[in-house]
Amino acid sequence: MSLRKPWHGVVVATALPFRDDLSVDLDKYAENLRGLIEAGCDGVCPNGSLGEYQTLTPEERAAVVRTAVEAVGGDRVLAGVAAYGSQEAARWAEQAAEAGAGAVMLLPPNAYRADERSVVAHYRAVAEVGIPVVAYNNPIDTKVDLVPELLAELHAAGHIQAVKEFSGDTRRAYRIKELAPELDLLIGADDVLLELALAGAVGWISGYPNAIPYVCNELYRAATEGDLVTALPLYRELHPLLRWDSRTEFVQAIKLSMDLAGRHGGGCRPPRVPLLPDQYETVKADTLRVLPLEDKARAQKAGL
């Protein structure tokens, strides 16, 4: 039996394609997911912020998880279950479990600046569903910071098994390992991949593999294996694109890169609006510059 967990390796926080009328295109979504696994990615994370889950109806959100499970298998699916209320988050965890997902990813309460007791109660409520929970620390957007001490408490209580670290403070990796040695550390932002990989991360909840999965997989494997001869030059080449994962316009940027790479990106649902002209041109230029690296990585994987 494999010891790989649904959050191990390269797990892509998947973008969601829409039709011209902004309805969800589940067929193109499934095609994208199968392509990611073919490229070497280990799993997918539907209904994250990159998947624009906040704009989906409950029926659409449930269908996205079912589609992911059907496309790549439940052991490869880490379903986002973020919600304003703990009861709603728990219901989404139940839906993910019923659909066959292997684990769920959960933000802390973010309708207000929750205190520590509220955070613990929130994670306890979802953990009681019985499906493994990955915490998502994004204090930039949620205004709630899962500091290492709090993460250690949540892990010791059995509420979480891993954390997607998006604070940008790479020093936390070492503190987390000191306080909770068995808690799996996951790279949560594309532009700190190398730093957190070298600090012992066992997974990457990633954005840009949506567009350039082959070369991103090459970078992740080299980084986690300590092969800096390979990883460092690639990281420098990709970093102008990877930085977009930490910007407000990350969904639009990644979807544009997907379109340029021949994958199904497309537009976004409101209130997201198109990139400004200078942003568009920057993303386009940086994407076109790295596509030859993607083609090379694809050829290498194919043994050509």
Protein backbone atom coordinates (compact mmCIF):
# COMPACT_ATOMS: atom_id res chain seq x y z
CA MET A 1 0.00 0.00 0.00
CA SER A 2 1.30 3.45 -0.92
CA LEU A 3 2.21 5.76 1.93
CA ARG A 4 1.50 8.80 -0.26
CA LYS A 5 -1.20 11.04 1.14
CA PRO A 6 -3.54 13.12 -1.04
CA TRP A 7 -1.54 16.23 -0.07
CA HIS A 8 1.91 14.81 -0.91
CA GLY A 9 3.85 15.88 -3.99
CA VAL A 10 2.62 18.37 -6.56
CA VAL A 11 -1.08 18.99 -5.85
CA VAL A 12 -2.52 21.54 -8.25
CA ALA A 13 -5.02 24.09 -6.94
CA THR A 14 -7.09 23.84 -10.07
CA ALA A 15 -8.50 26.70 -12.12
CA LEU A 16 -12.07 26.26 -13.30
CA PRO A 17 -13.02 26.88 -16.95
CA PHE A 18 -16.26 28.65 -17.78
CA ARG A 19 -18.23 28.81 -21.00
CA ASP A 20 -18.94 32.12 -22.71
CA ASP A 21 -22.11 32.50 -20.63
CA LEU A 22 -19.99 31.90 -17.48
CA SER A 23 -21.54 28.50 -16.76
CA VAL A 24 -19.08 25.87 -15.51
CA ASP A 25 -17.54 23.70 -18.23
CA LEU A 26 -17.04 20.39 -16.41
CA ASP A 27 -15.88 18.58 -19.56
CA LYS A 28 -12.98 20.97 -20.10
CA TYR A 29 -12.26 20.86 -16.36
CA ALA A 30 -11.96 17.08 -16.43
CA GLU A 31 -9.71 17.31 -19.49
CA ASN A 32 -7.46 19.75 -17.67
CA LEU A 33 -7.24 17.45 -14.64
CA ARG A 34 -6.33 14.39 -16.67
CA GLY A 35 -3.64 16.42 -18.41
CA LEU A 36 -2.13 17.43 -15.08
CA ILE A 37 -1.81 13.82 -13.94
CA GLU A 38 -0.38 12.84 -17.32
CA ALA A 39 2.23 15.58 -16.87
CA GLY A 40 3.35 14.03 -13.57
CA CYS A 41 1.35 15.97 -10.99
CA ASP A 42 0.38 13.90 -7.96
CA GLY A 43 -3.05 15.32 -7.23
CA VAL A 44 -5.55 18.13 -7.59
CA CYS A 45 -7.27 20.53 -5.23
CA PRO A 46 -10.71 21.58 -6.50
CA ASN A 47 -12.71 24.43 -4.98
CA GLY A 48 -9.79 26.50 -3.80
CA SER A 49 -9.57 30.23 -4.37
CA LEU A 50 -7.97 29.64 -7.78
CA GLY A 51 -11.08 27.62 -8.61
CA GLU A 52 -13.26 30.63 -7.76
CA TYR A 53 -15.32 28.58 -5.32
CA GLN A 54 -16.77 31.73 -3.74
CA THR A 55 -18.68 32.43 -6.97
CA LEU A 56 -20.15 28.93 -7.38
CA THR A 57 -23.63 27.75 -6.50
CA PRO A 58 -23.81 24.82 -4.05
CA GLU A 59 -24.77 22.54 -6.93
CA GLU A 60 -21.78 23.67 -9.01
CA ARG A 61 -19.40 23.35 -6.11
CA ALA A 62 -20.50 19.76 -5.42
CA ALA A 63 -20.28 18.88 -9.11
CA VAL A 64 -16.70 20.16 -9.29
CA VAL A 65 -15.60 17.74 -6.55
CA ARG A 66 -17.44 14.81 -8.13
CA THR A 67 -15.87 15.62 -11.50
CA ALA A 68 -12.38 15.70 -9.98
CA VAL A 69 -12.86 12.33 -8.30
CA GLU A 70 -14.20 10.78 -11.50
CA ALA A 71 -11.38 12.26 -13.59
CA VAL A 72 -8.33 11.35 -11.51
CA GLY A 73 -9.46 9.12 -8.61
CA GLY A 74 -10.37 10.09 -5.07
CA ASP A 75 -6.93 9.35 -3.61
CA ARG A 76 -5.61 12.23 -5.71
CA VAL A 77 -8.26 14.75 -4.63
CA LEU A 78 -7.79 17.29 -1.84
CA ALA A 79 -11.09 19.18 -1.84
CA GLY A 80 -11.37 22.77 -0.63
CA VAL A 81 -14.11 23.10 2.00
CA ALA A 82 -13.71 26.72 3.11
CA ALA A 83 -16.88 28.42 4.33
CA TYR A 84 -17.88 31.29 6.61
CA GLY A 85 -19.55 28.94 9.10
CA SER A 86 -18.18 25.77 10.68
CA GLN A 87 -21.42 23.88 10.03
CA GLU A 88 -21.25 24.73 6.33
CA ALA A 89 -17.56 23.76 6.14
CA ALA A 90 -18.39 20.44 7.82
CA ARG A 91 -21.18 19.84 5.30
CA TRP A 92 -18.75 20.41 2.45
CA ALA A 93 -16.34 17.97 4.09
CA GLU A 94 -19.15 15.42 4.24
CA GLN A 95 -19.93 16.02 0.57
CA ALA A 96 -16.26 15.55 -0.35
CA ALA A 97 -16.06 12.33 1.64
CA GLU A 98 -19.24 11.01 0.04
CA ALA A 99 -17.88 11.87 -3.41
CA GLY A 100 -14.74 9.85 -2.63
CA ALA A 101 -12.15 12.58 -2.04
CA GLY A 102 -9.15 11.51 0.00
CA ALA A 103 -8.82 14.64 2.12
CA VAL A 104 -10.00 18.24 2.49
CA MET A 105 -8.31 21.62 2.81
CA LEU A 106 -9.75 24.14 5.27
CA LEU A 107 -9.16 27.84 5.85
CA PRO A 108 -9.70 29.20 9.36
CA PRO A 109 -12.87 31.21 10.05
CA ASN A 110 -12.60 34.32 7.89
CA ALA A 111 -15.88 36.20 8.21
CA TYR A 112 -14.19 38.09 11.05
CA ARG A 113 -10.82 38.16 12.81
CA ALA A 114 -11.37 34.93 14.78
CA ASP A 115 -9.58 34.32 18.08
CA GLU A 116 -7.72 31.13 18.93
CA ARG A 117 -10.66 29.42 20.63
CA SER A 118 -12.84 29.98 17.57
CA VAL A 119 -10.15 28.63 15.25
CA VAL A 120 -9.76 25.45 17.32
CA ALA A 121 -13.54 24.94 17.44
CA HIS A 122 -13.75 25.43 13.66
CA TYR A 123 -11.14 22.81 12.87
CA ARG A 124 -12.57 20.43 15.46
CA ALA A 125 -16.00 20.62 13.83
CA VAL A 126 -14.65 19.67 10.41
CA ALA A 127 -12.25 17.03 11.75
CA GLU A 128 -15.21 15.28 13.38
CA VAL A 129 -16.49 14.44 9.89
CA GLY A 130 -13.72 11.84 9.78
CA ILE A 131 -11.88 12.86 6.61
CA PRO A 132 -8.22 14.03 6.89
CA VAL A 133 -7.93 17.83 7.14
CA VAL A 134 -5.17 20.03 5.73
CA ALA A 135 -5.08 23.51 7.28
CA TYR A 136 -4.58 26.48 4.98
CA ASN A 137 -2.76 29.40 6.56
CA ASN A 138 -3.37 32.56 4.53
CA PRO A 139 -3.24 35.49 6.97
CA ILE A 140 -2.92 37.93 4.07
CA ASP A 141 -6.47 37.29 2.86
CA THR A 142 -8.21 35.87 5.95
CA LYS A 143 -6.66 38.17 8.61
CA VAL A 144 -6.40 35.04 10.80
CA ASP A 145 -2.86 33.75 11.31
CA LEU A 146 -2.26 30.07 12.05
CA VAL A 147 1.03 30.66 13.83
CA PRO A 148 3.28 27.64 14.52
CA GLU A 149 2.13 27.36 18.13
CA LEU A 150 -1.52 27.21 17.07
CA LEU A 151 -0.76 24.71 14.32
CA ALA A 152 0.99 22.51 16.86
CA GLU A 153 -2.08 22.65 19.09
CA LEU A 154 -4.41 21.74 16.22
CA HIS A 155 -2.18 18.84 15.23
CA ALA A 156 -1.78 17.54 18.76
CA ALA A 157 -5.58 17.51 19.11
CA GLY A 158 -5.86 15.44 15.92
CA HIS A 159 -7.70 18.15 14.00
CA ILE A 160 -5.15 18.57 11.15
CA GLN A 161 -2.52 16.43 9.47
CA ALA A 162 -0.79 19.03 7.30
CA VAL A 163 -0.61 22.75 6.66
CA LYS A 164 -0.49 24.74 3.44
CA GLU A 165 1.80 27.63 4.46
CA PHE A 166 1.02 30.86 2.59
CA SER A 167 2.27 33.44 5.08
CA GLY A 168 5.41 34.08 3.02
CA ASP A 169 7.55 33.80 6.15
CA THR A 170 9.82 30.88 5.29
CA ARG A 171 11.35 30.94 8.78
CA ARG A 172 8.15 29.39 10.08
CA ALA A 173 9.01 26.08 8.45
CA TYR A 174 11.67 25.40 11.04
CA ARG A 175 9.54 26.48 13.97
CA ILE A 176 6.66 24.27 12.81
CA LYS A 177 9.00 21.28 12.59
CA GLU A 178 10.30 21.96 16.10
CA LEU A 179 6.84 22.21 17.64
CA ALA A 180 5.03 19.56 15.56
CA PRO A 181 7.55 17.19 13.96
CA GLU A 182 4.84 14.94 12.47
CA LEU A 183 2.80 17.76 10.91
CA ASP A 184 3.33 17.75 7.14
CA LEU A 185 4.53 21.09 5.78
CA LEU A 186 3.20 22.04 2.35
CA ILE A 187 4.42 24.83 0.09
CA GLY A 188 1.50 27.22 -0.15
CA ALA A 189 2.80 29.91 -2.50
CA ASP A 190 4.55 29.32 -5.80
CA ASP A 191 7.18 32.00 -5.27
CA VAL A 192 8.63 30.40 -2.11
CA LEU A 193 8.79 26.90 -3.55
CA LEU A 194 12.55 26.45 -3.38
CA GLU A 195 12.89 27.90 0.11
CA LEU A 196 10.20 25.68 1.63
CA ALA A 197 11.26 22.60 -0.34
CA LEU A 198 14.75 22.89 1.13
CA ALA A 199 13.17 23.35 4.58
CA GLY A 200 11.52 19.93 4.35
CA ALA A 201 8.12 20.43 2.68
CA VAL A 202 6.52 17.20 1.47
CA GLY A 203 4.01 18.77 -0.89
CA TRP A 204 3.23 21.82 -2.99
CA ILE A 205 -0.35 23.12 -3.27
CA SER A 206 0.42 24.85 -6.49
CA GLY A 207 -1.03 27.34 -8.94
CA TYR A 208 1.21 27.61 -11.97
CA PRO A 209 1.29 23.90 -12.85
CA ASN A 210 -2.18 24.61 -14.26
CA ALA A 211 -0.33 26.22 -17.16
CA ILE A 212 3.16 24.67 -17.18
CA PRO A 213 2.90 21.35 -15.33
CA TYR A 214 5.88 19.55 -16.86
CA VAL A 215 8.52 22.12 -15.96
CA CYS A 216 6.91 22.81 -12.56
CA ASN A 217 7.13 19.11 -11.76
CA GLU A 218 10.77 19.09 -12.80
CA LEU A 219 11.43 22.06 -10.52
CA TYR A 220 9.63 20.53 -7.53
CA ARG A 221 11.37 17.15 -7.81
CA ALA A 222 14.79 18.77 -8.11
CA ALA A 223 14.12 21.14 -5.20
CA THR A 224 12.86 18.45 -2.81
CA GLU A 225 15.76 16.18 -3.74
CA GLY A 226 18.26 18.96 -3.01
CA ASP A 227 19.43 19.08 -6.64
CA LEU A 228 20.25 22.77 -6.73
CA VAL A 229 22.21 22.46 -9.97
CA THR A 230 18.88 21.78 -11.67
CA ALA A 231 16.48 23.60 -9.36
CA LEU A 232 18.11 27.01 -8.93
CA PRO A 233 18.40 27.98 -12.63
CA LEU A 234 14.83 26.77 -13.26
CA TYR A 235 13.55 28.68 -10.26
CA ARG A 236 15.16 31.87 -11.49
CA GLU A 237 13.64 31.41 -14.93
CA LEU A 238 10.16 30.66 -13.63
CA HIS A 239 10.04 33.11 -10.74
CA PRO A 240 8.60 36.09 -12.69
CA LEU A 241 5.56 33.89 -13.40
CA LEU A 242 5.47 32.18 -10.02
CA ARG A 243 5.25 35.58 -8.30
CA TRP A 244 1.79 36.09 -9.80
CA ASP A 245 0.49 33.32 -7.53
CA SER A 246 0.86 35.73 -4.59
CA ARG A 247 -0.78 38.70 -6.28
CA THR A 248 -4.41 39.78 -6.21
CA GLU A 249 -4.77 39.01 -9.93
CA PHE A 250 -3.43 35.47 -9.63
CA VAL A 251 -6.54 33.81 -11.09
CA GLN A 252 -6.58 35.98 -14.20
CA ALA A 253 -2.80 35.63 -14.65
CA ILE A 254 -2.75 31.86 -14.37
CA LYS A 255 -5.75 31.47 -16.65
CA LEU A 256 -4.05 33.66 -19.27
CA SER A 257 -0.91 31.54 -19.05
CA MET A 258 -3.07 28.43 -19.45
CA ASP A 259 -4.59 29.82 -22.64
CA LEU A 260 -1.18 30.68 -24.02
CA ALA A 261 0.02 27.16 -23.21
CA GLY A 262 -2.93 25.55 -25.00
CA ARG A 263 -4.86 24.57 -21.87
CA HIS A 264 -8.39 25.59 -20.91
CA GLY A 265 -8.12 28.82 -18.91
CA GLY A 266 -10.58 31.41 -20.12
CA GLY A 267 -12.33 34.18 -18.26
CA CYS A 268 -13.36 34.64 -14.64
CA ARG A 269 -16.66 35.20 -12.94
CA PRO A 270 -17.38 38.63 -11.48
CA PRO A 271 -16.28 40.45 -9.47
CA ARG A 272 -12.94 39.52 -11.03
CA VAL A 273 -12.27 41.66 -14.09
CA PRO A 274 -9.70 41.21 -16.88
CA LEU A 275 -6.07 42.13 -16.36
CA LEU A 276 -5.01 45.69 -17.14
CA PRO A 277 -3.19 46.02 -20.49
CA ASP A 278 0.26 46.28 -18.92
CA GLN A 279 -0.44 43.29 -16.66
CA TYR A 280 -1.67 41.30 -19.63
CA GLU A 281 1.45 42.06 -21.65
CA THR A 282 3.75 41.21 -18.73
CA VAL A 283 2.11 37.84 -18.08
CA LYS A 284 2.05 37.09 -21.80
CA ALA A 285 5.73 37.90 -22.28
CA ASP A 286 6.83 35.92 -19.22
CA THR A 287 4.70 32.94 -20.24
CA LEU A 288 5.98 32.86 -23.80
CA ARG A 289 9.53 33.07 -22.48
CA VAL A 290 9.16 29.89 -20.39
CA LEU A 291 7.09 27.80 -22.80
CA PRO A 292 10.24 26.40 -24.44
CA LEU A 293 11.24 25.11 -20.99
CA GLU A 294 7.83 23.46 -20.69
CA ASP A 295 8.26 21.85 -24.10
CA LYS A 296 11.71 20.59 -23.13
CA ALA A 297 10.42 19.12 -19.86
CA ARG A 298 7.54 17.44 -21.70
CA ALA A 299 9.96 15.89 -24.21
CA GLN A 300 12.23 14.67 -21.44
CA LYS A 301 9.33 13.01 -19.64
CA ALA A 302 8.32 11.33 -22.89
CA GLY A 303 11.88 10.11 -23.38
CA LEU A 304 12.32 12.00 -26.62
